[in-house]
Amino acid sequence: LKPNSKLVIDFPNQKHPSFKTMVKLENYLKR
């Protein structure tokens, strides 16, 4: 990246009520 450039990233909110459901789904999908 160039100096002063911008980027957006994401990451799971592990306190979110649906986080455990997402983990289950990813395990079923072999991820």
Full PDB file with SEQRES, HELIX, SHEET, SSBOND, CRYST1, ORIGX, SCALE, CONECT and MASTER records, all heavy atoms in Angstrom:
SEQRES   1 A   31  LEU LYS PRO ASN SER LYS LEU VAL ILE ASP PHE PRO ASN          
SEQRES   2 A   31  GLN LYS HIS PRO SER PHE LYS THR MET VAL LYS LEU GLU          
SEQRES   3 A   31  ASN TYR LEU LYS ARG                                          
HELIX    1 AA1 PHE A   19  TYR A   28  1                                  10    
CRYST1    1.000    1.000    1.000  90.00  90.00  90.00 P 1           1          
ORIGX1      1.000000  0.000000  0.000000        0.00000                         
ORIGX2      0.000000  1.000000  0.000000        0.00000                         
ORIGX3      0.000000  0.000000  1.000000        0.00000                         
SCALE1      1.000000  0.000000  0.000000        0.00000                         
SCALE2      0.000000  1.000000  0.000000        0.00000                         
SCALE3      0.000000  0.000000  1.000000        0.00000                         
ATOM      1  N   LEU A   1       0.819  -1.205   0.000  1.00  0.00           N  
ATOM      2  CA  LEU A   1       0.000   0.000   0.000  1.00  0.00           C  
ATOM      3  C   LEU A   1       0.856   1.259   0.000  1.00  0.00           C  
ATOM      4  O   LEU A   1       1.930   1.302   0.615  1.00  0.00           O  
ATOM      5  CB  LEU A   1      -0.917   0.022   1.226  1.00  0.00           C  
ATOM      6  CG  LEU A   1      -2.172  -0.850   1.159  1.00  0.00           C  
ATOM      7  CD1 LEU A   1      -2.798  -0.976   2.547  1.00  0.00           C  
ATOM      8  CD2 LEU A   1      -3.186  -0.288   0.167  1.00  0.00           C  
ATOM      9  N   LYS A   2       0.375   2.269  -0.670  1.00  0.00           N  
ATOM     10  CA  LYS A   2       1.059   3.563  -0.678  1.00  0.00           C  
ATOM     11  C   LYS A   2       0.897   4.248   0.679  1.00  0.00           C  
ATOM     12  O   LYS A   2      -0.053   3.960   1.417  1.00  0.00           O  
ATOM     13  CB  LYS A   2       0.468   4.455  -1.777  1.00  0.00           C  
ATOM     14  CG  LYS A   2       0.675   3.932  -3.186  1.00  0.00           C  
ATOM     15  CD  LYS A   2      -0.007   4.833  -4.207  1.00  0.00           C  
ATOM     16  CE  LYS A   2       0.152   4.276  -5.626  1.00  0.00           C  
ATOM     17  NZ  LYS A   2      -0.546   5.110  -6.628  1.00  0.00           N  
ATOM     18  N   PRO A   3       1.791   5.186   1.014  1.00  0.00           N  
ATOM     19  CA  PRO A   3       1.605   5.964   2.246  1.00  0.00           C  
ATOM     20  C   PRO A   3       0.259   6.685   2.238  1.00  0.00           C  
ATOM     21  O   PRO A   3      -0.205   7.155   1.201  1.00  0.00           O  
ATOM     22  CB  PRO A   3       2.768   6.955   2.209  1.00  0.00           C  
ATOM     23  CG  PRO A   3       3.807   6.280   1.369  1.00  0.00           C  
ATOM     24  CD  PRO A   3       3.042   5.518   0.320  1.00  0.00           C  
ATOM     25  N   ASN A   4      -0.377   6.733   3.386  1.00  0.00           N  
ATOM     26  CA  ASN A   4      -1.657   7.419   3.577  1.00  0.00           C  
ATOM     27  C   ASN A   4      -2.819   6.772   2.809  1.00  0.00           C  
ATOM     28  O   ASN A   4      -3.859   7.402   2.629  1.00  0.00           O  
ATOM     29  CB  ASN A   4      -1.558   8.897   3.190  1.00  0.00           C  
ATOM     30  CG  ASN A   4      -0.532   9.632   4.029  1.00  0.00           C  
ATOM     31  OD1 ASN A   4      -0.531   9.509   5.251  1.00  0.00           O  
ATOM     32  ND2 ASN A   4       0.348  10.376   3.385  1.00  0.00           N  
ATOM     33  N   SER A   5      -2.635   5.551   2.359  1.00  0.00           N  
ATOM     34  CA  SER A   5      -3.712   4.851   1.664  1.00  0.00           C  
ATOM     35  C   SER A   5      -4.710   4.284   2.683  1.00  0.00           C  
ATOM     36  O   SER A   5      -4.449   4.249   3.886  1.00  0.00           O  
ATOM     37  CB  SER A   5      -3.141   3.738   0.790  1.00  0.00           C  
ATOM     38  OG  SER A   5      -2.316   2.890   1.569  1.00  0.00           O  
ATOM     39  N   LYS A   6      -5.852   3.827   2.167  1.00  0.00           N  
ATOM     40  CA  LYS A   6      -6.921   3.332   3.034  1.00  0.00           C  
ATOM     41  C   LYS A   6      -7.197   1.856   2.775  1.00  0.00           C  
ATOM     42  O   LYS A   6      -7.023   1.362   1.661  1.00  0.00           O  
ATOM     43  CB  LYS A   6      -8.205   4.130   2.797  1.00  0.00           C  
ATOM     44  CG  LYS A   6      -8.126   5.593   3.215  1.00  0.00           C  
ATOM     45  CD  LYS A   6      -9.461   6.283   2.954  1.00  0.00           C  
ATOM     46  CE  LYS A   6      -9.445   7.729   3.409  1.00  0.00           C  
ATOM     47  NZ  LYS A   6     -10.755   8.394   3.158  1.00  0.00           N  
ATOM     48  N   LEU A   7      -7.661   1.191   3.820  1.00  0.00           N  
ATOM     49  CA  LEU A   7      -8.057  -0.207   3.688  1.00  0.00           C  
ATOM     50  C   LEU A   7      -9.181  -0.515   4.672  1.00  0.00           C  
ATOM     51  O   LEU A   7      -9.333   0.169   5.689  1.00  0.00           O  
ATOM     52  CB  LEU A   7      -6.885  -1.157   3.907  1.00  0.00           C  
ATOM     53  CG  LEU A   7      -6.223  -1.198   5.291  1.00  0.00           C  
ATOM     54  CD1 LEU A   7      -5.530  -2.556   5.503  1.00  0.00           C  
ATOM     55  CD2 LEU A   7      -5.187  -0.090   5.444  1.00  0.00           C  
ATOM     56  N   VAL A   8      -9.961  -1.539   4.336  1.00  0.00           N  
ATOM     57  CA  VAL A   8     -11.028  -2.016   5.219  1.00  0.00           C  
ATOM     58  C   VAL A   8     -10.860  -3.521   5.390  1.00  0.00           C  
ATOM     59  O   VAL A   8     -10.687  -4.245   4.411  1.00  0.00           O  
ATOM     60  CB  VAL A   8     -12.422  -1.710   4.648  1.00  0.00           C  
ATOM     61  CG1 VAL A   8     -13.497  -2.208   5.617  1.00  0.00           C  
ATOM     62  CG2 VAL A   8     -12.602  -0.221   4.393  1.00  0.00           C  
ATOM     63  N   ILE A   9     -10.878  -3.969   6.634  1.00  0.00           N  
ATOM     64  CA  ILE A   9     -10.798  -5.396   6.935  1.00  0.00           C  
ATOM     65  C   ILE A   9     -11.928  -5.748   7.899  1.00  0.00           C  
ATOM     66  O   ILE A   9     -12.526  -4.864   8.520  1.00  0.00           O  
ATOM     67  CB  ILE A   9      -9.441  -5.784   7.556  1.00  0.00           C  
ATOM     68  CG1 ILE A   9      -9.235  -5.044   8.886  1.00  0.00           C  
ATOM     69  CG2 ILE A   9      -8.297  -5.470   6.602  1.00  0.00           C  
ATOM     70  CD1 ILE A   9      -7.953  -5.419   9.605  1.00  0.00           C  
ATOM     71  N   ASP A  10     -12.235  -7.031   8.013  1.00  0.00           N  
ATOM     72  CA  ASP A  10     -13.242  -7.428   8.990  1.00  0.00           C  
ATOM     73  C   ASP A  10     -12.749  -8.622   9.801  1.00  0.00           C  
ATOM     74  O   ASP A  10     -11.779  -9.295   9.433  1.00  0.00           O  
ATOM     75  CB  ASP A  10     -14.592  -7.707   8.327  1.00  0.00           C  
ATOM     76  CG  ASP A  10     -14.614  -8.986   7.499  1.00  0.00           C  
ATOM     77  OD1 ASP A  10     -13.528  -9.524   7.180  1.00  0.00           O  
ATOM     78  OD2 ASP A  10     -15.712  -9.450   7.157  1.00  0.00           O  
ATOM     79  N   PHE A  11     -13.429  -8.852  10.917  1.00  0.00           N  
ATOM     80  CA  PHE A  11     -13.037  -9.918  11.842  1.00  0.00           C  
ATOM     81  C   PHE A  11     -14.240 -10.213  12.733  1.00  0.00           C  
ATOM     82  O   PHE A  11     -15.006  -9.306  13.066  1.00  0.00           O  
ATOM     83  CB  PHE A  11     -11.840  -9.464  12.692  1.00  0.00           C  
ATOM     84  CG  PHE A  11     -11.116 -10.582  13.386  1.00  0.00           C  
ATOM     85  CD1 PHE A  11     -10.343 -11.477  12.662  1.00  0.00           C  
ATOM     86  CD2 PHE A  11     -11.199 -10.736  14.765  1.00  0.00           C  
ATOM     87  CE1 PHE A  11      -9.673 -12.511  13.301  1.00  0.00           C  
ATOM     88  CE2 PHE A  11     -10.533 -11.765  15.406  1.00  0.00           C  
ATOM     89  CZ  PHE A  11      -9.767 -12.659  14.672  1.00  0.00           C  
ATOM     90  N   PRO A  12     -14.439 -11.485  13.118  1.00  0.00           N  
ATOM     91  CA  PRO A  12     -15.634 -11.828  13.895  1.00  0.00           C  
ATOM     92  C   PRO A  12     -15.714 -11.123  15.244  1.00  0.00           C  
ATOM     93  O   PRO A  12     -14.715 -10.985  15.949  1.00  0.00           O  
ATOM     94  CB  PRO A  12     -15.499 -13.344  14.094  1.00  0.00           C  
ATOM     95  CG  PRO A  12     -14.576 -13.806  13.034  1.00  0.00           C  
ATOM     96  CD  PRO A  12     -13.633 -12.673  12.803  1.00  0.00           C  
ATOM     97  N   ASN A  13     -16.919 -10.691  15.577  1.00  0.00           N  
ATOM     98  CA  ASN A  13     -17.210 -10.178  16.911  1.00  0.00           C  
ATOM     99  C   ASN A  13     -17.529 -11.382  17.786  1.00  0.00           C  
ATOM    100  O   ASN A  13     -18.626 -11.932  17.719  1.00  0.00           O  
ATOM    101  CB  ASN A  13     -18.386  -9.208  16.855  1.00  0.00           C  
ATOM    102  CG  ASN A  13     -18.745  -8.653  18.223  1.00  0.00           C  
ATOM    103  OD1 ASN A  13     -18.205  -9.074  19.248  1.00  0.00           O  
ATOM    104  ND2 ASN A  13     -19.660  -7.710  18.246  1.00  0.00           N  
ATOM    105  N   GLN A  14     -16.577 -11.792  18.595  1.00  0.00           N  
ATOM    106  CA  GLN A  14     -16.721 -13.043  19.337  1.00  0.00           C  
ATOM    107  C   GLN A  14     -17.688 -12.942  20.515  1.00  0.00           C  
ATOM    108  O   GLN A  14     -17.998 -13.955  21.158  1.00  0.00           O  
ATOM    109  CB  GLN A  14     -15.343 -13.518  19.781  1.00  0.00           C  
ATOM    110  CG  GLN A  14     -14.466 -13.871  18.575  1.00  0.00           C  
ATOM    111  CD  GLN A  14     -13.015 -14.099  18.909  1.00  0.00           C  
ATOM    112  OE1 GLN A  14     -12.687 -14.950  19.740  1.00  0.00           O  
ATOM    113  NE2 GLN A  14     -12.123 -13.354  18.276  1.00  0.00           N  
ATOM    114  N   LYS A  15     -18.191 -11.730  20.759  1.00  0.00           N  
ATOM    115  CA  LYS A  15     -19.208 -11.544  21.792  1.00  0.00           C  
ATOM    116  C   LYS A  15     -20.614 -11.458  21.202  1.00  0.00           C  
ATOM    117  O   LYS A  15     -21.597 -11.334  21.930  1.00  0.00           O  
ATOM    118  CB  LYS A  15     -18.906 -10.282  22.608  1.00  0.00           C  
ATOM    119  CG  LYS A  15     -17.617 -10.371  23.425  1.00  0.00           C  
ATOM    120  CD  LYS A  15     -17.395  -9.116  24.244  1.00  0.00           C  
ATOM    121  CE  LYS A  15     -16.113  -9.221  25.068  1.00  0.00           C  
ATOM    122  NZ  LYS A  15     -15.887  -7.993  25.876  1.00  0.00           N  
ATOM    123  N   HIS A  16     -20.699 -11.511  19.889  1.00  0.00           N  
ATOM    124  CA  HIS A  16     -21.990 -11.413  19.224  1.00  0.00           C  
ATOM    125  C   HIS A  16     -22.816 -12.669  19.510  1.00  0.00           C  
ATOM    126  O   HIS A  16     -22.270 -13.784  19.543  1.00  0.00           O  
ATOM    127  CB  HIS A  16     -21.787 -11.263  17.714  1.00  0.00           C  
ATOM    128  CG  HIS A  16     -22.999 -10.853  16.969  1.00  0.00           C  
ATOM    129  ND1 HIS A  16     -24.017 -11.738  16.660  1.00  0.00           N  
ATOM    130  CD2 HIS A  16     -23.388  -9.655  16.457  1.00  0.00           C  
ATOM    131  CE1 HIS A  16     -24.959 -11.107  15.996  1.00  0.00           C  
ATOM    132  NE2 HIS A  16     -24.611  -9.844  15.863  1.00  0.00           N  
ATOM    133  N   PRO A  17     -24.136 -12.531  19.714  1.00  0.00           N  
ATOM    134  CA  PRO A  17     -24.990 -13.695  20.022  1.00  0.00           C  
ATOM    135  C   PRO A  17     -24.947 -14.805  18.976  1.00  0.00           C  
ATOM    136  O   PRO A  17     -25.178 -15.968  19.300  1.00  0.00           O  
ATOM    137  CB  PRO A  17     -26.400 -13.082  20.083  1.00  0.00           C  
ATOM    138  CG  PRO A  17     -26.181 -11.643  20.415  1.00  0.00           C  
ATOM    139  CD  PRO A  17     -24.888 -11.256  19.749  1.00  0.00           C  
ATOM    140  N   SER A  18     -24.650 -14.446  17.718  1.00  0.00           N  
ATOM    141  CA  SER A  18     -24.646 -15.455  16.649  1.00  0.00           C  
ATOM    142  C   SER A  18     -23.248 -15.964  16.298  1.00  0.00           C  
ATOM    143  O   SER A  18     -23.098 -16.712  15.327  1.00  0.00           O  
ATOM    144  CB  SER A  18     -25.309 -14.890  15.390  1.00  0.00           C  
ATOM    145  OG  SER A  18     -26.696 -14.719  15.587  1.00  0.00           O  
ATOM    146  N   PHE A  19     -22.258 -15.583  17.086  1.00  0.00           N  
ATOM    147  CA  PHE A  19     -20.893 -16.014  16.764  1.00  0.00           C  
ATOM    148  C   PHE A  19     -20.761 -17.542  16.796  1.00  0.00           C  
ATOM    149  O   PHE A  19     -20.197 -18.150  15.887  1.00  0.00           O  
ATOM    150  CB  PHE A  19     -19.885 -15.389  17.730  1.00  0.00           C  
ATOM    151  CG  PHE A  19     -18.490 -15.938  17.583  1.00  0.00           C  
ATOM    152  CD1 PHE A  19     -17.730 -15.633  16.466  1.00  0.00           C  
ATOM    153  CD2 PHE A  19     -17.955 -16.790  18.541  1.00  0.00           C  
ATOM    154  CE1 PHE A  19     -16.445 -16.153  16.309  1.00  0.00           C  
ATOM    155  CE2 PHE A  19     -16.679 -17.312  18.396  1.00  0.00           C  
ATOM    156  CZ  PHE A  19     -15.924 -16.991  17.277  1.00  0.00           C  
ATOM    157  N   LYS A  20     -21.286 -18.178  17.823  1.00  0.00           N  
ATOM    158  CA  LYS A  20     -21.175 -19.631  17.948  1.00  0.00           C  
ATOM    159  C   LYS A  20     -21.915 -20.340  16.810  1.00  0.00           C  
ATOM    160  O   LYS A  20     -21.473 -21.395  16.340  1.00  0.00           O  
ATOM    161  CB  LYS A  20     -21.705 -20.087  19.299  1.00  0.00           C  
ATOM    162  CG  LYS A  20     -20.816 -19.665  20.463  1.00  0.00           C  
ATOM    163  CD  LYS A  20     -21.351 -20.202  21.782  1.00  0.00           C  
ATOM    164  CE  LYS A  20     -20.445 -19.799  22.937  1.00  0.00           C  
ATOM    165  NZ  LYS A  20     -20.958 -20.301  24.242  1.00  0.00           N  
ATOM    166  N   THR A  21     -23.021 -19.746  16.373  1.00  0.00           N  
ATOM    167  CA  THR A  21     -23.752 -20.325  15.238  1.00  0.00           C  
ATOM    168  C   THR A  21     -22.914 -20.260  13.974  1.00  0.00           C  
ATOM    169  O   THR A  21     -22.878 -21.209  13.179  1.00  0.00           O  
ATOM    170  CB  THR A  21     -25.073 -19.567  15.015  1.00  0.00           C  
ATOM    171  OG1 THR A  21     -25.815 -19.541  16.235  1.00  0.00           O  
ATOM    172  CG2 THR A  21     -25.908 -20.236  13.927  1.00  0.00           C  
ATOM    173  N   MET A  22     -22.228 -19.140  13.773  1.00  0.00           N  
ATOM    174  CA  MET A  22     -21.354 -18.995  12.611  1.00  0.00           C  
ATOM    175  C   MET A  22     -20.234 -20.038  12.641  1.00  0.00           C  
ATOM    176  O   MET A  22     -19.893 -20.620  11.603  1.00  0.00           O  
ATOM    177  CB  MET A  22     -20.762 -17.586  12.553  1.00  0.00           C  
ATOM    178  CG  MET A  22     -19.855 -17.365  11.338  1.00  0.00           C  
ATOM    179  SD  MET A  22     -19.291 -15.649  11.160  1.00  0.00           S  
ATOM    180  CE  MET A  22     -18.180 -15.519  12.567  1.00  0.00           C  
ATOM    181  N   VAL A  23     -19.677 -20.265  13.808  1.00  0.00           N  
ATOM    182  CA  VAL A  23     -18.607 -21.267  13.938  1.00  0.00           C  
ATOM    183  C   VAL A  23     -19.139 -22.653  13.581  1.00  0.00           C  
ATOM    184  O   VAL A  23     -18.478 -23.425  12.876  1.00  0.00           O  
ATOM    185  CB  VAL A  23     -18.026 -21.252  15.364  1.00  0.00           C  
ATOM    186  CG1 VAL A  23     -17.070 -22.431  15.557  1.00  0.00           C  
ATOM    187  CG2 VAL A  23     -17.299 -19.940  15.631  1.00  0.00           C  
ATOM    188  N   LYS A  24     -20.334 -22.975  14.049  1.00  0.00           N  
ATOM    189  CA  LYS A  24     -20.948 -24.265  13.703  1.00  0.00           C  
ATOM    190  C   LYS A  24     -21.120 -24.397  12.196  1.00  0.00           C  
ATOM    191  O   LYS A  24     -20.809 -25.428  11.602  1.00  0.00           O  
ATOM    192  CB  LYS A  24     -22.318 -24.397  14.379  1.00  0.00           C  
ATOM    193  CG  LYS A  24     -22.293 -24.627  15.861  1.00  0.00           C  
ATOM    194  CD  LYS A  24     -23.725 -24.780  16.382  1.00  0.00           C  
ATOM    195  CE  LYS A  24     -23.765 -24.914  17.883  1.00  0.00           C  
ATOM    196  NZ  LYS A  24     -25.160 -25.020  18.388  1.00  0.00           N  
ATOM    197  N   LEU A  25     -21.637 -23.333  11.578  1.00  0.00           N  
ATOM    198  CA  LEU A  25     -21.848 -23.341  10.131  1.00  0.00           C  
ATOM    199  C   LEU A  25     -20.535 -23.570   9.395  1.00  0.00           C  
ATOM    200  O   LEU A  25     -20.462 -24.406   8.478  1.00  0.00           O  
ATOM    201  CB  LEU A  25     -22.473 -22.024   9.687  1.00  0.00           C  
ATOM    202  CG  LEU A  25     -22.577 -21.795   8.168  1.00  0.00           C  
ATOM    203  CD1 LEU A  25     -23.478 -22.851   7.531  1.00  0.00           C  
ATOM    204  CD2 LEU A  25     -23.086 -20.396   7.865  1.00  0.00           C  
ATOM    205  N   GLU A  26     -19.501 -22.844   9.780  1.00  0.00           N  
ATOM    206  CA  GLU A  26     -18.206 -22.977   9.109  1.00  0.00           C  
ATOM    207  C   GLU A  26     -17.635 -24.381   9.287  1.00  0.00           C  
ATOM    208  O   GLU A  26     -17.001 -24.918   8.381  1.00  0.00           O  
ATOM    209  CB  GLU A  26     -17.225 -21.928   9.636  1.00  0.00           C  
ATOM    210  CG  GLU A  26     -17.622 -20.485   9.357  1.00  0.00           C  
ATOM    211  CD  GLU A  26     -17.433 -20.096   7.902  1.00  0.00           C  
ATOM    212  OE1 GLU A  26     -16.991 -20.945   7.104  1.00  0.00           O  
ATOM    213  OE2 GLU A  26     -17.721 -18.946   7.558  1.00  0.00           O  
ATOM    214  N   ASN A  27     -17.870 -24.981  10.430  1.00  0.00           N  
ATOM    215  CA  ASN A  27     -17.399 -26.350  10.644  1.00  0.00           C  
ATOM    216  C   ASN A  27     -18.133 -27.330   9.734  1.00  0.00           C  
ATOM    217  O   ASN A  27     -17.527 -28.249   9.173  1.00  0.00           O  
ATOM    218  CB  ASN A  27     -17.574 -26.748  12.107  1.00  0.00           C  
ATOM    219  CG  ASN A  27     -16.532 -26.127  13.016  1.00  0.00           C  
ATOM    220  OD1 ASN A  27     -15.428 -25.803  12.562  1.00  0.00           O  
ATOM    221  ND2 ASN A  27     -16.864 -25.940  14.274  1.00  0.00           N  
ATOM    222  N   TYR A  28     -19.437 -27.130   9.563  1.00  0.00           N  
ATOM    223  CA  TYR A  28     -20.206 -27.983   8.647  1.00  0.00           C  
ATOM    224  C   TYR A  28     -19.706 -27.816   7.209  1.00  0.00           C  
ATOM    225  O   TYR A  28     -19.711 -28.773   6.431  1.00  0.00           O  
ATOM    226  CB  TYR A  28     -21.684 -27.632   8.709  1.00  0.00           C  
ATOM    227  CG  TYR A  28     -22.401 -28.163   9.926  1.00  0.00           C  
ATOM    228  CD1 TYR A  28     -23.208 -27.328  10.708  1.00  0.00           C  
ATOM    229  CD2 TYR A  28     -22.305 -29.510  10.300  1.00  0.00           C  
ATOM    230  CE1 TYR A  28     -23.880 -27.811  11.828  1.00  0.00           C  
ATOM    231  CE2 TYR A  28     -22.960 -29.994  11.417  1.00  0.00           C  
ATOM    232  CZ  TYR A  28     -23.745 -29.147  12.173  1.00  0.00           C  
ATOM    233  OH  TYR A  28     -24.401 -29.626  13.285  1.00  0.00           O  
ATOM    234  N   LEU A  29     -19.270 -26.607   6.871  1.00  0.00           N  
ATOM    235  CA  LEU A  29     -18.771 -26.332   5.522  1.00  0.00           C  
ATOM    236  C   LEU A  29     -17.285 -26.691   5.374  1.00  0.00           C  
ATOM    237  O   LEU A  29     -16.684 -26.436   4.335  1.00  0.00           O  
ATOM    238  CB  LEU A  29     -18.966 -24.850   5.183  1.00  0.00           C  
ATOM    239  CG  LEU A  29     -20.412 -24.345   5.158  1.00  0.00           C  
ATOM    240  CD1 LEU A  29     -20.451 -22.854   4.837  1.00  0.00           C  
ATOM    241  CD2 LEU A  29     -21.233 -25.123   4.136  1.00  0.00           C  
ATOM    242  N   LYS A  30     -16.730 -27.275   6.437  1.00  0.00           N  
ATOM    243  CA  LYS A  30     -15.315 -27.684   6.461  1.00  0.00           C  
ATOM    244  C   LYS A  30     -14.382 -26.481   6.302  1.00  0.00           C  
ATOM    245  O   LYS A  30     -13.391 -26.526   5.580  1.00  0.00           O  
ATOM    246  CB  LYS A  30     -15.037 -28.740   5.382  1.00  0.00           C  
ATOM    247  CG  LYS A  30     -15.841 -30.017   5.582  1.00  0.00           C  
ATOM    248  CD  LYS A  30     -15.528 -31.063   4.542  1.00  0.00           C  
ATOM    249  CE  LYS A  30     -16.358 -32.324   4.782  1.00  0.00           C  
ATOM    250  NZ  LYS A  30     -16.088 -33.373   3.762  1.00  0.00           N  
ATOM    251  N   ARG A  31     -14.742 -25.411   7.006  1.00  0.00           N  
ATOM    252  CA  ARG A  31     -13.908 -24.214   7.085  1.00  0.00           C  
ATOM    253  C   ARG A  31     -13.647 -23.896   8.551  1.00  0.00           C  
ATOM    254  O   ARG A  31     -14.135 -22.900   9.087  1.00  0.00           O  
ATOM    255  CB  ARG A  31     -14.593 -23.025   6.410  1.00  0.00           C  
ATOM    256  CG  ARG A  31     -14.917 -23.239   4.943  1.00  0.00           C  
ATOM    257  CD  ARG A  31     -15.782 -22.129   4.407  1.00  0.00           C  
ATOM    258  NE  ARG A  31     -16.344 -22.488   3.117  1.00  0.00           N  
ATOM    259  CZ  ARG A  31     -17.353 -21.846   2.530  1.00  0.00           C  
ATOM    260  NH1 ARG A  31     -17.910 -20.793   3.129  1.00  0.00           N  
ATOM    261  NH2 ARG A  31     -17.811 -22.238   1.365  1.00  0.00           N  
TER     262      ARG A  31                                                      
MASTER        0    0    0    1    0    0    0    6  261    1    0    3          
END                                                                             
